[in-house]
Amino acid sequence: MRLDIQHLRTLAALRDTESLRHAAERIAVTPSAVSHQLNDLEDLLGCRLFYRKTHPVRFTPAGTRLLALADDVIPDVRRALADLEGLSKGPVDRLFVAVEQHGPTEWLLAAIDEYHRSWSTVGVDVPMGLSLDPLPALARGDLDVVFTTDPIEDPALTYEPLFTTELKVAVAPSHRCAALDWVSPADFAGETVISYPVRRSRLQVFTRFLQPANIEPAHVLATELPTIMVRLAAQRRGVCCLPSCVLEELPEDVLLKPLGNGGLRCCVHVATRPDCRRTTHINAFIKMAKETAFRTLTSIGVPTGGST
């Protein structure tokens, strides 16, 4: 005899129903069969799992530990069986998603988790290698959905404003800008700006903040991951500018300062191809992503205008 999933189901049924009779009804066997299964399990393990003649049923430490195992294993088995059932009914759709430059953030991962519960036959992939310049990949069909703050003119693409967020600069608490209420372009003179390894024309800290003021930083330090950017800023290796919706998810010890006296906001768009917007499971994902963003992010606002 060996431990199997039915033993765990029987023990869990006993806990949930608090009697052998009701446990038997739960798993569709006779009460004597439940009793035999539990006795055999105790013989196999060499220890008592619950105290007899108690109501409600009280479990021994060994029984409690086995119930914890049941709570971990049984839901996984159910999900796997549901997935296999879905696979047996036909091919699984794939949905390829990217967040331009920033990679998958917590709100997007939460949206994917929620989406899987409603669309279990659709697999969602977030290829990191396409996050730095995803819009051309979207246009040629390598991606299905891209979240971007910098739409490009391309007849093959369509955009919908998703939410607005503020661009902020992250500085170490000991940085000279830490005492400022907001930073000006002149405060970047002589600084090292930590940014993504992309053209400056794709970085709003340059196009909307520094270049209009004819300010050139002393150095530009490129890295692909926002977590590394903020960590370098915390170590006083430079300053980095990112959307608040990204910065609020990063735990580093930094201070966030507005760009300019009035701040600088940008709009996150969801980019797709026209054929994608005629696909039900893609539209459902976009709707769920928007709902999740407004439920989980505190620094975003409602955009003006509609789809373009």
C-alpha atoms as a PDB file:
ATOM      1  CA  MET A   1       0.000   0.000   0.000  1.00  0.00           C
ATOM      2  CA  ARG A   2       1.147   3.564  -0.697  1.00  0.00           C
ATOM      3  CA  LEU A   3      -0.121   7.092  -0.131  1.00  0.00           C
ATOM      4  CA  ASP A   4      -2.273   8.289  -3.029  1.00  0.00           C
ATOM      5  CA  ILE A   5      -4.566  11.166  -3.861  1.00  0.00           C
ATOM      6  CA  GLN A   6      -7.670   9.296  -2.682  1.00  0.00           C
ATOM      7  CA  HIS A   7      -6.259   9.081   0.855  1.00  0.00           C
ATOM      8  CA  LEU A   8      -5.851  12.852   0.864  1.00  0.00           C
ATOM      9  CA  ARG A   9      -9.380  13.386  -0.482  1.00  0.00           C
ATOM     10  CA  THR A  10     -10.807  11.110   2.225  1.00  0.00           C
ATOM     11  CA  LEU A  11      -8.957  12.877   5.027  1.00  0.00           C
ATOM     12  CA  ALA A  12      -9.981  16.299   3.697  1.00  0.00           C
ATOM     13  CA  ALA A  13     -13.603  15.143   3.425  1.00  0.00           C
ATOM     14  CA  LEU A  14     -13.519  14.043   7.076  1.00  0.00           C
ATOM     15  CA  ARG A  15     -12.244  17.451   8.133  1.00  0.00           C
ATOM     16  CA  ASP A  16     -14.765  19.351   6.031  1.00  0.00           C
ATOM     17  CA  THR A  17     -17.831  17.309   7.015  1.00  0.00           C
ATOM     18  CA  GLU A  18     -16.780  16.423  10.598  1.00  0.00           C
ATOM     19  CA  SER A  19     -18.159  12.873  10.497  1.00  0.00           C
ATOM     20  CA  LEU A  20     -17.428   9.548   8.819  1.00  0.00           C
ATOM     21  CA  ARG A  21     -20.963   9.325   7.452  1.00  0.00           C
ATOM     22  CA  HIS A  22     -20.931  12.736   5.826  1.00  0.00           C
ATOM     23  CA  ALA A  23     -17.392  12.212   4.571  1.00  0.00           C
ATOM     24  CA  ALA A  24     -18.587   9.013   2.870  1.00  0.00           C
ATOM     25  CA  GLU A  25     -21.407  10.925   1.201  1.00  0.00           C
ATOM     26  CA  ARG A  26     -18.941  13.584   0.037  1.00  0.00           C
ATOM     27  CA  ILE A  27     -16.694  11.105  -1.790  1.00  0.00           C
ATOM     28  CA  ALA A  28     -19.506   8.695  -2.761  1.00  0.00           C
ATOM     29  CA  VAL A  29     -18.438   5.593  -0.813  1.00  0.00           C
ATOM     30  CA  THR A  30     -19.796   3.777   2.234  1.00  0.00           C
ATOM     31  CA  PRO A  31     -18.892   4.838   5.802  1.00  0.00           C
ATOM     32  CA  SER A  32     -17.149   1.476   6.301  1.00  0.00           C
ATOM     33  CA  ALA A  33     -15.009   2.174   3.223  1.00  0.00           C
ATOM     34  CA  VAL A  34     -13.979   5.533   4.699  1.00  0.00           C
ATOM     35  CA  SER A  35     -13.126   3.869   7.988  1.00  0.00           C
ATOM     36  CA  HIS A  36     -11.048   1.188   6.240  1.00  0.00           C
ATOM     37  CA  GLN A  37      -9.194   3.785   4.142  1.00  0.00           C
ATOM     38  CA  LEU A  38      -8.292   5.828   7.200  1.00  0.00           C
ATOM     39  CA  ASN A  39      -7.249   2.770   9.218  1.00  0.00           C
ATOM     40  CA  ASP A  40      -5.093   1.546   6.351  1.00  0.00           C
ATOM     41  CA  LEU A  41      -3.537   5.017   6.019  1.00  0.00           C
ATOM     42  CA  GLU A  42      -2.689   5.119   9.709  1.00  0.00           C
ATOM     43  CA  ASP A  43      -1.146   1.640   9.482  1.00  0.00           C
ATOM     44  CA  LEU A  44       0.882   2.766   6.476  1.00  0.00           C
ATOM     45  CA  LEU A  45       2.190   5.858   8.261  1.00  0.00           C
ATOM     46  CA  GLY A  46       2.536   4.253  11.672  1.00  0.00           C
ATOM     47  CA  CYS A  47       0.712   7.008  13.556  1.00  0.00           C
ATOM     48  CA  ARG A  48      -2.766   8.191  14.486  1.00  0.00           C
ATOM     49  CA  LEU A  49      -4.263  10.889  12.274  1.00  0.00           C
ATOM     50  CA  PHE A  50      -7.332  11.876  14.320  1.00  0.00           C
ATOM     51  CA  TYR A  51      -8.873  11.228  17.715  1.00  0.00           C
ATOM     52  CA  ARG A  52     -11.768   8.779  17.728  1.00  0.00           C
ATOM     53  CA  LYS A  53     -15.154   9.580  19.251  1.00  0.00           C
ATOM     54  CA  THR A  54     -14.709  13.364  19.191  1.00  0.00           C
ATOM     55  CA  HIS A  55     -17.147  15.836  17.693  1.00  0.00           C
ATOM     56  CA  PRO A  56     -16.197  17.793  15.779  1.00  0.00           C
ATOM     57  CA  VAL A  57     -13.323  15.626  14.622  1.00  0.00           C
ATOM     58  CA  ARG A  58      -9.977  16.579  16.177  1.00  0.00           C
ATOM     59  CA  PHE A  59      -6.810  15.799  14.252  1.00  0.00           C
ATOM     60  CA  THR A  60      -3.430  14.836  15.643  1.00  0.00           C
ATOM     61  CA  PRO A  61      -0.320  16.804  14.607  1.00  0.00           C
ATOM     62  CA  ALA A  62       0.333  14.088  12.014  1.00  0.00           C
ATOM     63  CA  GLY A  63      -3.195  14.461  10.652  1.00  0.00           C
ATOM     64  CA  THR A  64      -2.883  18.239  10.538  1.00  0.00           C
ATOM     65  CA  ARG A  65       0.347  17.925   8.558  1.00  0.00           C
ATOM     66  CA  LEU A  66      -1.258  15.534   6.084  1.00  0.00           C
ATOM     67  CA  LEU A  67      -4.230  17.888   5.683  1.00  0.00           C
ATOM     68  CA  ALA A  68      -1.821  20.689   4.791  1.00  0.00           C
ATOM     69  CA  LEU A  69      -0.429  18.405   2.092  1.00  0.00           C
ATOM     70  CA  ALA A  70      -3.956  17.713   0.863  1.00  0.00           C
ATOM     71  CA  ASP A  71      -4.700  21.452   0.644  1.00  0.00           C
ATOM     72  CA  ASP A  72      -1.611  21.920  -1.508  1.00  0.00           C
ATOM     73  CA  VAL A  73      -1.994  18.878  -3.750  1.00  0.00           C
ATOM     74  CA  ILE A  74      -5.734  18.493  -4.393  1.00  0.00           C
ATOM     75  CA  PRO A  75      -6.294  21.965  -5.980  1.00  0.00           C
ATOM     76  CA  ASP A  76      -3.237  21.433  -8.211  1.00  0.00           C
ATOM     77  CA  VAL A  77      -4.586  18.076  -9.345  1.00  0.00           C
ATOM     78  CA  ARG A  78      -7.993  19.605 -10.087  1.00  0.00           C
ATOM     79  CA  ARG A  79      -6.449  22.404 -12.132  1.00  0.00           C
ATOM     80  CA  ALA A  80      -4.234  19.989 -14.043  1.00  0.00           C
ATOM     81  CA  LEU A  81      -7.194  17.751 -14.865  1.00  0.00           C
ATOM     82  CA  ALA A  82      -9.196  20.783 -16.039  1.00  0.00           C
ATOM     83  CA  ASP A  83      -6.309  21.855 -18.262  1.00  0.00           C
ATOM     84  CA  LEU A  84      -5.998  18.360 -19.700  1.00  0.00           C
ATOM     85  CA  GLU A  85      -9.710  18.267 -20.362  1.00  0.00           C
ATOM     86  CA  GLY A  86      -9.412  21.573 -22.211  1.00  0.00           C
ATOM     87  CA  LEU A  87      -6.480  20.290 -24.236  1.00  0.00           C
ATOM     88  CA  SER A  88      -8.431  17.217 -25.238  1.00  0.00           C
ATOM     89  CA  LYS A  89     -11.154  19.417 -26.717  1.00  0.00           C
ATOM     90  CA  GLY A  90      -8.933  21.239 -29.162  1.00  0.00           C
ATOM     91  CA  PRO A  91      -5.845  23.405 -29.642  1.00  0.00           C
ATOM     92  CA  VAL A  92      -4.928  26.032 -27.034  1.00  0.00           C
ATOM     93  CA  ASP A  93      -4.857  29.644 -28.231  1.00  0.00           C
ATOM     94  CA  ARG A  94      -1.713  31.658 -27.509  1.00  0.00           C
ATOM     95  CA  LEU A  95      -1.679  35.331 -26.597  1.00  0.00           C
ATOM     96  CA  PHE A  96       1.663  37.169 -26.846  1.00  0.00           C
ATOM     97  CA  VAL A  97       1.880  40.318 -24.729  1.00  0.00           C
ATOM     98  CA  ALA A  98       4.615  42.881 -24.072  1.00  0.00           C
ATOM     99  CA  VAL A  99       4.986  46.018 -21.962  1.00  0.00           C
ATOM    100  CA  GLU A 100       7.264  48.362 -23.874  1.00  0.00           C
ATOM    101  CA  GLN A 101      10.607  48.773 -22.095  1.00  0.00           C
ATOM    102  CA  HIS A 102       9.309  48.019 -18.629  1.00  0.00           C
ATOM    103  CA  GLY A 103       8.639  44.297 -18.964  1.00  0.00           C
ATOM    104  CA  PRO A 104       5.838  42.486 -17.073  1.00  0.00           C
ATOM    105  CA  THR A 105       4.744  44.465 -14.014  1.00  0.00           C
ATOM    106  CA  GLU A 106       2.761  43.265 -10.992  1.00  0.00           C
ATOM    107  CA  TRP A 107      -0.554  44.654 -12.227  1.00  0.00           C
ATOM    108  CA  LEU A 108      -0.119  42.887 -15.567  1.00  0.00           C
ATOM    109  CA  LEU A 109       0.810  39.591 -13.884  1.00  0.00           C
ATOM    110  CA  ALA A 110      -2.306  39.943 -11.703  1.00  0.00           C
ATOM    111  CA  ALA A 111      -4.383  40.531 -14.840  1.00  0.00           C
ATOM    112  CA  ILE A 112      -2.893  37.410 -16.459  1.00  0.00           C
ATOM    113  CA  ASP A 113      -3.722  35.322 -13.371  1.00  0.00           C
ATOM    114  CA  GLU A 114      -7.315  36.546 -13.404  1.00  0.00           C
ATOM    115  CA  TYR A 115      -7.554  36.015 -17.161  1.00  0.00           C
ATOM    116  CA  HIS A 116      -6.433  32.390 -16.822  1.00  0.00           C
ATOM    117  CA  ARG A 117      -9.327  31.702 -14.484  1.00  0.00           C
ATOM    118  CA  SER A 118     -11.838  32.752 -17.148  1.00  0.00           C
ATOM    119  CA  TRP A 119      -9.908  31.731 -20.269  1.00  0.00           C
ATOM    120  CA  SER A 120      -8.111  28.564 -19.196  1.00  0.00           C
ATOM    121  CA  THR A 121      -7.615  27.397 -22.799  1.00  0.00           C
ATOM    122  CA  VAL A 122      -5.628  30.510 -23.742  1.00  0.00           C
ATOM    123  CA  GLY A 123      -1.944  30.523 -22.898  1.00  0.00           C
ATOM    124  CA  VAL A 124      -0.435  33.974 -22.249  1.00  0.00           C
ATOM    125  CA  ASP A 125       3.247  34.503 -23.087  1.00  0.00           C
ATOM    126  CA  VAL A 126       5.246  37.605 -22.153  1.00  0.00           C
ATOM    127  CA  PRO A 127       8.479  37.363 -24.189  1.00  0.00           C
ATOM    128  CA  MET A 128      11.073  39.530 -22.420  1.00  0.00           C
ATOM    129  CA  GLY A 129      13.319  39.718 -25.480  1.00  0.00           C
ATOM    130  CA  LEU A 130      10.747  41.878 -27.312  1.00  0.00           C
ATOM    131  CA  SER A 131      10.057  44.421 -24.553  1.00  0.00           C
ATOM    132  CA  LEU A 132      12.606  47.059 -25.647  1.00  0.00           C
ATOM    133  CA  ASP A 133      11.188  47.584 -29.143  1.00  0.00           C
ATOM    134  CA  PRO A 134       7.914  45.651 -29.319  1.00  0.00           C
ATOM    135  CA  LEU A 135       5.826  47.740 -31.726  1.00  0.00           C
ATOM    136  CA  PRO A 136       7.581  46.519 -34.910  1.00  0.00           C
ATOM    137  CA  ALA A 137       7.178  42.964 -33.580  1.00  0.00           C
ATOM    138  CA  LEU A 138       3.464  43.664 -33.078  1.00  0.00           C
ATOM    139  CA  ALA A 139       3.136  44.997 -36.639  1.00  0.00           C
ATOM    140  CA  ARG A 140       4.734  41.896 -38.157  1.00  0.00           C
ATOM    141  CA  GLY A 141       2.590  39.521 -36.066  1.00  0.00           C
ATOM    142  CA  ASP A 142       5.089  38.306 -33.438  1.00  0.00           C
ATOM    143  CA  LEU A 143       3.005  39.905 -30.663  1.00  0.00           C
ATOM    144  CA  ASP A 144      -0.720  40.395 -30.159  1.00  0.00           C
ATOM    145  CA  VAL A 145      -0.901  43.140 -27.503  1.00  0.00           C
ATOM    146  CA  VAL A 146       1.618  45.809 -26.468  1.00  0.00           C
ATOM    147  CA  PHE A 147       1.290  48.331 -23.634  1.00  0.00           C
ATOM    148  CA  THR A 148       3.217  51.468 -24.598  1.00  0.00           C
ATOM    149  CA  THR A 149       3.649  55.119 -23.609  1.00  0.00           C
ATOM    150  CA  ASP A 150       5.050  56.041 -27.040  1.00  0.00           C
ATOM    151  CA  PRO A 151       2.764  55.158 -29.971  1.00  0.00           C
ATOM    152  CA  ILE A 152       4.365  55.249 -33.409  1.00  0.00           C
ATOM    153  CA  GLU A 153       2.658  56.048 -36.686  1.00  0.00           C
ATOM    154  CA  ASP A 154       1.986  52.747 -38.407  1.00  0.00           C
ATOM    155  CA  PRO A 155      -1.127  51.895 -40.446  1.00  0.00           C
ATOM    156  CA  ALA A 156      -0.774  48.290 -39.290  1.00  0.00           C
ATOM    157  CA  LEU A 157      -1.374  49.288 -35.646  1.00  0.00           C
ATOM    158  CA  THR A 158      -4.261  50.665 -33.645  1.00  0.00           C
ATOM    159  CA  TYR A 159      -4.090  52.286 -30.198  1.00  0.00           C
ATOM    160  CA  GLU A 160      -6.476  52.715 -27.301  1.00  0.00           C
ATOM    161  CA  PRO A 161      -5.678  54.959 -24.297  1.00  0.00           C
ATOM    162  CA  LEU A 162      -5.637  52.765 -21.195  1.00  0.00           C
ATOM    163  CA  PHE A 163      -4.672  55.040 -18.289  1.00  0.00           C
ATOM    164  CA  THR A 164      -2.493  58.026 -17.468  1.00  0.00           C
ATOM    165  CA  THR A 165       0.438  57.993 -15.075  1.00  0.00           C
ATOM    166  CA  GLU A 166       3.023  60.526 -13.947  1.00  0.00           C
ATOM    167  CA  LEU A 167       6.667  60.349 -14.903  1.00  0.00           C
ATOM    168  CA  LYS A 168       8.866  60.717 -11.838  1.00  0.00           C
ATOM    169  CA  VAL A 169      12.570  60.679 -11.117  1.00  0.00           C
ATOM    170  CA  ALA A 170      13.949  58.292  -8.480  1.00  0.00           C
ATOM    171  CA  VAL A 171      16.829  59.602  -6.346  1.00  0.00           C
ATOM    172  CA  ALA A 172      18.669  58.293  -3.304  1.00  0.00           C
ATOM    173  CA  PRO A 173      17.660  59.851   0.045  1.00  0.00           C
ATOM    174  CA  SER A 174      21.152  61.365   0.298  1.00  0.00           C
ATOM    175  CA  HIS A 175      21.079  62.805  -3.238  1.00  0.00           C
ATOM    176  CA  ARG A 176      21.222  66.591  -3.594  1.00  0.00           C
ATOM    177  CA  CYS A 177      17.754  66.575  -5.242  1.00  0.00           C
ATOM    178  CA  ALA A 178      16.175  64.707  -2.326  1.00  0.00           C
ATOM    179  CA  ALA A 179      15.333  67.954  -0.544  1.00  0.00           C
ATOM    180  CA  LEU A 180      13.607  69.455  -3.580  1.00  0.00           C
ATOM    181  CA  ASP A 181       9.834  69.460  -4.035  1.00  0.00           C
ATOM    182  CA  TRP A 182      10.353  68.901  -7.758  1.00  0.00           C
ATOM    183  CA  VAL A 183      13.293  68.734 -10.160  1.00  0.00           C
ATOM    184  CA  SER A 184      13.951  71.018 -13.100  1.00  0.00           C
ATOM    185  CA  PRO A 185      15.826  70.143 -16.297  1.00  0.00           C
ATOM    186  CA  ALA A 186      18.802  72.128 -14.954  1.00  0.00           C
ATOM    187  CA  ASP A 187      19.026  69.703 -12.023  1.00  0.00           C
ATOM    188  CA  PHE A 188      19.975  66.993 -14.532  1.00  0.00           C
ATOM    189  CA  ALA A 189      23.045  68.898 -15.757  1.00  0.00           C
ATOM    190  CA  GLY A 190      26.124  67.008 -14.615  1.00  0.00           C
ATOM    191  CA  GLU A 191      24.033  63.970 -13.628  1.00  0.00           C
ATOM    192  CA  THR A 192      24.154  60.385 -14.821  1.00  0.00           C
ATOM    193  CA  VAL A 193      20.769  59.406 -16.237  1.00  0.00           C
ATOM    194  CA  ILE A 194      19.990  55.696 -15.943  1.00  0.00           C
ATOM    195  CA  SER A 195      17.745  54.626 -18.811  1.00  0.00           C
ATOM    196  CA  TYR A 196      16.817  51.857 -21.205  1.00  0.00           C
ATOM    197  CA  PRO A 197      19.222  51.025 -24.071  1.00  0.00           C
ATOM    198  CA  VAL A 198      16.963  52.554 -26.734  1.00  0.00           C
ATOM    199  CA  ARG A 199      17.045  55.696 -28.880  1.00  0.00           C
ATOM    200  CA  ARG A 200      16.487  58.937 -27.004  1.00  0.00           C
ATOM    201  CA  SER A 201      13.525  59.606 -29.271  1.00  0.00           C
ATOM    202  CA  ARG A 202      11.789  56.741 -27.424  1.00  0.00           C
ATOM    203  CA  LEU A 203      12.466  58.185 -23.928  1.00  0.00           C
ATOM    204  CA  GLN A 204      10.143  60.934 -22.728  1.00  0.00           C
ATOM    205  CA  VAL A 205      12.576  62.202 -20.105  1.00  0.00           C
ATOM    206  CA  PHE A 206      14.659  63.384 -23.070  1.00  0.00           C
ATOM    207  CA  THR A 207      11.998  64.327 -25.647  1.00  0.00           C
ATOM    208  CA  ARG A 208       9.606  66.127 -23.277  1.00  0.00           C
ATOM    209  CA  PHE A 209      11.831  67.319 -20.454  1.00  0.00           C
ATOM    210  CA  LEU A 210      15.553  67.694 -21.162  1.00  0.00           C
ATOM    211  CA  GLN A 211      15.761  68.435 -24.891  1.00  0.00           C
ATOM    212  CA  PRO A 212      13.187  71.288 -24.869  1.00  0.00           C
ATOM    213  CA  ALA A 213      15.360  72.947 -22.201  1.00  0.00           C
ATOM    214  CA  ASN A 214      18.620  72.198 -24.108  1.00  0.00           C
ATOM    215  CA  ILE A 215      19.967  70.257 -21.132  1.00  0.00           C
ATOM    216  CA  GLU A 216      22.449  67.431 -21.660  1.00  0.00           C
ATOM    217  CA  PRO A 217      23.257  65.040 -18.792  1.00  0.00           C
ATOM    218  CA  ALA A 218      26.880  64.246 -18.046  1.00  0.00           C
ATOM    219  CA  HIS A 219      26.436  60.533 -18.682  1.00  0.00           C
ATOM    220  CA  VAL A 220      23.783  58.006 -19.717  1.00  0.00           C
ATOM    221  CA  LEU A 221      23.935  54.576 -18.112  1.00  0.00           C
ATOM    222  CA  ALA A 222      21.874  51.953 -19.975  1.00  0.00           C
ATOM    223  CA  THR A 223      20.252  48.893 -18.447  1.00  0.00           C
ATOM    224  CA  GLU A 224      17.219  46.837 -19.505  1.00  0.00           C
ATOM    225  CA  LEU A 225      15.555  46.226 -16.123  1.00  0.00           C
ATOM    226  CA  PRO A 226      13.695  48.869 -14.091  1.00  0.00           C
ATOM    227  CA  THR A 227      14.604  47.025 -10.883  1.00  0.00           C
ATOM    228  CA  ILE A 228      18.295  47.529 -11.687  1.00  0.00           C
ATOM    229  CA  MET A 229      17.693  51.183 -12.613  1.00  0.00           C
ATOM    230  CA  VAL A 230      16.118  51.961  -9.265  1.00  0.00           C
ATOM    231  CA  ARG A 231      18.749  49.981  -7.370  1.00  0.00           C
ATOM    232  CA  LEU A 232      21.509  51.962  -9.076  1.00  0.00           C
ATOM    233  CA  ALA A 233      19.695  55.175  -8.192  1.00  0.00           C
ATOM    234  CA  ALA A 234      19.472  54.038  -4.559  1.00  0.00           C
ATOM    235  CA  GLN A 235      23.246  53.506  -4.638  1.00  0.00           C
ATOM    236  CA  ARG A 236      23.752  57.077  -5.949  1.00  0.00           C
ATOM    237  CA  ARG A 237      25.051  55.825  -9.281  1.00  0.00           C
ATOM    238  CA  GLY A 238      22.697  58.254 -11.011  1.00  0.00           C
ATOM    239  CA  VAL A 239      18.995  59.089 -11.317  1.00  0.00           C
ATOM    240  CA  CYS A 240      16.300  57.316 -13.288  1.00  0.00           C
ATOM    241  CA  CYS A 241      12.968  58.447 -14.639  1.00  0.00           C
ATOM    242  CA  LEU A 242      10.095  55.984 -14.879  1.00  0.00           C
ATOM    243  CA  PRO A 243       6.288  56.042 -14.791  1.00  0.00           C
ATOM    244  CA  SER A 244       4.801  56.052 -11.296  1.00  0.00           C
ATOM    245  CA  CYS A 245       2.878  52.855 -12.099  1.00  0.00           C
ATOM    246  CA  VAL A 246       6.247  51.100 -12.451  1.00  0.00           C
ATOM    247  CA  LEU A 247       8.046  52.839  -9.592  1.00  0.00           C
ATOM    248  CA  GLU A 248       5.306  52.144  -7.046  1.00  0.00           C
ATOM    249  CA  GLU A 249       5.897  48.400  -7.444  1.00  0.00           C
ATOM    250  CA  LEU A 250       9.650  48.598  -6.757  1.00  0.00           C
ATOM    251  CA  PRO A 251      10.780  48.310  -3.123  1.00  0.00           C
ATOM    252  CA  GLU A 252      14.120  50.157  -3.279  1.00  0.00           C
ATOM    253  CA  ASP A 253      14.899  52.957  -0.803  1.00  0.00           C
ATOM    254  CA  VAL A 254      14.495  55.949  -3.106  1.00  0.00           C
ATOM    255  CA  LEU A 255      12.549  59.194  -3.146  1.00  0.00           C
ATOM    256  CA  LEU A 256      10.270  60.014  -6.079  1.00  0.00           C
ATOM    257  CA  LYS A 257      10.240  63.573  -7.365  1.00  0.00           C
ATOM    258  CA  PRO A 258       7.985  65.187  -9.999  1.00  0.00           C
ATOM    259  CA  LEU A 259       9.483  66.433 -13.249  1.00  0.00           C
ATOM    260  CA  GLY A 260       8.839  70.157 -13.220  1.00  0.00           C
ATOM    261  CA  ASN A 261       6.620  72.236 -10.972  1.00  0.00           C
ATOM    262  CA  GLY A 262       3.417  70.843 -12.453  1.00  0.00           C
ATOM    263  CA  GLY A 263       4.633  67.307 -13.016  1.00  0.00           C
ATOM    264  CA  LEU A 264       4.733  65.461 -16.313  1.00  0.00           C
ATOM    265  CA  ARG A 265       2.075  62.898 -17.161  1.00  0.00           C
ATOM    266  CA  CYS A 266       2.038  60.337 -19.928  1.00  0.00           C
ATOM    267  CA  CYS A 267      -0.617  57.989 -21.270  1.00  0.00           C
ATOM    268  CA  VAL A 268      -0.265  54.235 -21.401  1.00  0.00           C
ATOM    269  CA  HIS A 269      -1.859  52.915 -24.595  1.00  0.00           C
ATOM    270  CA  VAL A 270      -2.746  49.370 -25.521  1.00  0.00           C
ATOM    271  CA  ALA A 271      -1.553  48.675 -29.058  1.00  0.00           C
ATOM    272  CA  THR A 272      -2.890  45.892 -31.256  1.00  0.00           C
ATOM    273  CA  ARG A 273      -3.485  45.143 -34.919  1.00  0.00           C
ATOM    274  CA  PRO A 274      -6.988  45.668 -36.334  1.00  0.00           C
ATOM    275  CA  ASP A 275      -7.425  41.925 -36.812  1.00  0.00           C
ATOM    276  CA  CYS A 276      -6.645  41.354 -33.114  1.00  0.00           C
ATOM    277  CA  ARG A 277      -9.486  43.652 -32.043  1.00  0.00           C
ATOM    278  CA  ARG A 278     -11.905  41.356 -33.864  1.00  0.00           C
ATOM    279  CA  THR A 279     -10.805  38.444 -31.650  1.00  0.00           C
ATOM    280  CA  THR A 280     -12.940  37.765 -28.587  1.00  0.00           C
ATOM    281  CA  HIS A 281     -10.234  36.389 -26.291  1.00  0.00           C
ATOM    282  CA  ILE A 282      -7.900  39.349 -27.034  1.00  0.00           C
ATOM    283  CA  ASN A 283     -10.619  41.913 -26.337  1.00  0.00           C
ATOM    284  CA  ALA A 284     -11.405  40.085 -23.093  1.00  0.00           C
ATOM    285  CA  PHE A 285      -7.748  40.275 -22.042  1.00  0.00           C
ATOM    286  CA  ILE A 286      -7.531  44.019 -22.764  1.00  0.00           C
ATOM    287  CA  LYS A 287     -10.708  44.670 -20.766  1.00  0.00           C
ATOM    288  CA  MET A 288      -9.389  42.608 -17.844  1.00  0.00           C
ATOM    289  CA  ALA A 289      -5.992  44.325 -17.939  1.00  0.00           C
ATOM    290  CA  LYS A 290      -7.645  47.756 -17.738  1.00  0.00           C
ATOM    291  CA  GLU A 291      -9.910  46.709 -14.859  1.00  0.00           C
ATOM    292  CA  THR A 292      -6.963  45.205 -12.967  1.00  0.00           C
ATOM    293  CA  ALA A 293      -4.832  48.320 -13.459  1.00  0.00           C
ATOM    294  CA  PHE A 294      -7.481  50.612 -11.980  1.00  0.00           C
ATOM    295  CA  ARG A 295      -8.094  48.187  -9.125  1.00  0.00           C
ATOM    296  CA  THR A 296      -4.446  47.709  -8.120  1.00  0.00           C
ATOM    297  CA  LEU A 297      -2.519  50.863  -9.105  1.00  0.00           C
ATOM    298  CA  THR A 298      -2.892  54.006  -7.005  1.00  0.00           C
ATOM    299  CA  SER A 299      -1.049  56.474  -9.242  1.00  0.00           C
ATOM    300  CA  ILE A 300      -3.056  56.277 -12.471  1.00  0.00           C
ATOM    301  CA  GLY A 301      -5.836  58.364 -13.953  1.00  0.00           C
ATOM    302  CA  VAL A 302      -8.518  58.151 -16.618  1.00  0.00           C
ATOM    303  CA  PRO A 303      -7.279  59.274 -20.062  1.00  0.00           C
ATOM    304  CA  THR A 304      -9.125  61.741 -22.234  1.00  0.00           C
ATOM    305  CA  GLY A 305     -10.142  60.794 -25.767  1.00  0.00           C
ATOM    306  CA  GLY A 306     -10.810  57.385 -27.238  1.00  0.00           C
ATOM    307  CA  SER A 307      -9.249  54.850 -29.548  1.00  0.00           C
ATOM    308  CA  THR A 308      -7.045  56.021 -32.395  1.00  0.00           C
END
